[in-house]
Amino acid sequence: MVTFQEFVIGIRHGIVDRHWMPQSEICQPCSVNYNHVGFFEYLNEDTNYILDQIGVEDEVVKADKVSSASQKKSTTDITRELFNELSEDDRNAMYLFYKKDFLLFGYDKDVNSETFPYPNVPLQ
């Protein structure tokens, strides 16, 4: 398992695992005419939207899929802690590597903003 620090060091040195690739490179959003872009931050809403679009009406299938009730800290809190432990140079390197994703998908560069991590996009 790779620690967050090892991940950042890898990005800074050009060691990029396929799992770390920017989504803009994997999904080619400028080349493919998608009819919906899902966000992990809206996983429940996006899942239910897609299920509605394909005609799934079973409420058991459409129940909430993501719950942080069992976690002591939210993913947002953990992300903020990890990024706030980075040097400014490391934070900037991460932003530059994922800049196209930040811009295309409406993410805020500032992990301490009130709206982080939710993308600045309207829900369908």
Protein backbone atom coordinates (compact mmCIF):
# COMPACT_ATOMS: atom_id res chain seq x y z
CA MET A 1 0.00 0.00 0.00
CA VAL A 2 1.24 3.48 -0.87
CA THR A 3 1.02 6.25 1.72
CA PHE A 4 -0.28 9.69 0.74
CA GLN A 5 3.24 11.10 1.04
CA GLU A 6 4.60 8.37 -1.26
CA PHE A 7 1.80 9.13 -3.72
CA VAL A 8 2.75 12.83 -3.76
CA ILE A 9 6.44 12.02 -4.17
CA GLY A 10 5.56 9.71 -7.06
CA ILE A 11 3.54 12.42 -8.80
CA ARG A 12 6.34 14.95 -8.31
CA HIS A 13 8.88 12.55 -9.84
CA GLY A 14 6.70 11.49 -12.77
CA ILE A 15 6.00 8.02 -11.41
CA VAL A 16 2.38 7.67 -12.36
CA ASP A 17 0.39 4.53 -11.76
CA ARG A 18 -2.66 4.09 -14.01
CA HIS A 19 -4.85 4.50 -10.93
CA TRP A 20 -3.43 7.98 -10.36
CA MET A 21 -4.01 9.30 -13.88
CA PRO A 22 -6.12 12.42 -14.24
CA GLN A 23 -9.70 11.54 -15.14
CA SER A 24 -9.49 13.96 -18.05
CA GLU A 25 -6.89 11.64 -19.63
CA ILE A 26 -8.75 8.42 -18.86
CA CYS A 27 -12.27 9.45 -19.87
CA GLN A 28 -11.44 11.91 -22.66
CA PRO A 29 -14.36 14.25 -21.79
CA CYS A 30 -13.47 16.59 -24.65
CA SER A 31 -13.57 13.78 -27.21
CA VAL A 32 -16.61 11.82 -26.04
CA ASN A 33 -20.12 13.24 -25.89
CA TYR A 34 -21.16 11.97 -22.46
CA ASN A 35 -24.75 12.50 -21.39
CA HIS A 36 -23.86 12.43 -17.70
CA VAL A 37 -20.69 12.93 -15.67
CA GLY A 38 -20.85 11.35 -12.22
CA PHE A 39 -18.96 12.57 -9.19
CA PHE A 40 -17.89 10.48 -6.22
CA GLU A 41 -18.99 13.34 -3.98
CA TYR A 42 -22.54 12.85 -5.32
CA LEU A 43 -22.40 9.06 -5.62
CA ASN A 44 -25.86 8.41 -4.15
CA GLU A 45 -27.54 11.12 -6.21
CA ASP A 46 -25.72 10.18 -9.42
CA THR A 47 -26.41 6.48 -8.96
CA ASN A 48 -30.11 7.11 -8.43
CA TYR A 49 -30.21 9.48 -11.42
CA ILE A 50 -28.66 6.85 -13.71
CA LEU A 51 -30.98 4.15 -12.35
CA ASP A 52 -33.96 6.43 -13.01
CA GLN A 53 -32.73 7.08 -16.55
CA ILE A 54 -32.55 3.36 -17.34
CA GLY A 55 -35.91 2.64 -15.71
CA VAL A 56 -34.91 0.92 -12.46
CA GLU A 57 -37.67 1.52 -9.94
CA ASP A 58 -36.60 -0.89 -7.17
CA GLU A 59 -36.07 1.24 -4.04
CA VAL A 60 -33.85 -1.44 -2.47
CA VAL A 61 -31.42 -1.09 -5.38
CA LYS A 62 -31.66 2.70 -5.16
CA ALA A 63 -31.02 2.91 -1.41
CA ASP A 64 -28.15 5.06 -0.20
CA LYS A 65 -24.91 3.36 -1.18
CA VAL A 66 -22.42 5.54 0.67
CA SER A 67 -22.51 6.17 4.39
CA SER A 68 -19.82 7.63 6.59
CA ALA A 69 -21.74 6.92 9.80
CA SER A 70 -19.24 4.26 10.85
CA GLN A 71 -16.23 6.50 10.21
CA LYS A 72 -14.82 8.71 12.96
CA LYS A 73 -13.73 11.34 10.40
CA SER A 74 -15.26 12.26 7.08
CA THR A 75 -13.35 11.80 3.85
CA THR A 76 -13.37 15.59 3.49
CA ASP A 77 -11.75 16.03 6.92
CA ILE A 78 -9.09 13.41 6.15
CA THR A 79 -8.37 15.00 2.76
CA ARG A 80 -8.02 18.44 4.36
CA GLU A 81 -5.63 17.08 7.00
CA LEU A 82 -3.47 15.31 4.42
CA PHE A 83 -3.26 18.31 2.08
CA ASN A 84 -2.61 20.74 4.93
CA GLU A 85 0.39 18.60 5.95
CA LEU A 86 1.94 19.08 2.50
CA SER A 87 4.35 21.87 1.67
CA GLU A 88 3.08 24.61 -0.61
CA ASP A 89 5.33 23.23 -3.37
CA ASP A 90 3.79 19.77 -3.02
CA ARG A 91 0.24 21.19 -3.05
CA ASN A 92 1.07 23.19 -6.17
CA ALA A 93 2.61 20.14 -7.86
CA MET A 94 -0.55 18.12 -7.17
CA TYR A 95 -2.70 20.94 -8.53
CA LEU A 96 -0.60 21.27 -11.68
CA PHE A 97 -0.72 17.51 -12.30
CA TYR A 98 -4.53 17.44 -11.92
CA LYS A 99 -5.19 20.99 -13.17
CA LYS A 100 -7.25 19.90 -16.17
CA ASP A 101 -9.49 17.83 -13.85
CA PHE A 102 -9.88 20.78 -11.48
CA LEU A 103 -10.92 23.03 -14.35
CA LEU A 104 -13.08 20.59 -16.31
CA PHE A 105 -14.96 19.24 -13.32
CA GLY A 106 -15.26 22.42 -11.25
CA TYR A 107 -13.16 21.50 -8.22
CA ASP A 108 -11.82 24.16 -5.86
CA LYS A 109 -8.03 24.25 -5.46
CA ASP A 110 -8.38 25.39 -1.83
CA VAL A 111 -9.03 22.36 0.42
CA ASN A 112 -9.98 24.75 3.21
CA SER A 113 -12.81 26.46 1.32
CA GLU A 114 -16.35 25.96 2.61
CA THR A 115 -17.42 24.22 -0.59
CA PHE A 116 -14.56 21.73 -0.74
CA PRO A 117 -14.66 19.00 -2.06
CA TYR A 118 -17.94 19.46 -3.88
CA PRO A 119 -17.55 20.37 -7.51
CA ASN A 120 -19.06 23.61 -8.70
CA VAL A 121 -21.51 21.94 -11.04
CA PRO A 122 -25.31 21.79 -10.97
CA LEU A 123 -26.85 18.45 -10.10
CA GLN A 124 -29.27 17.07 -12.69
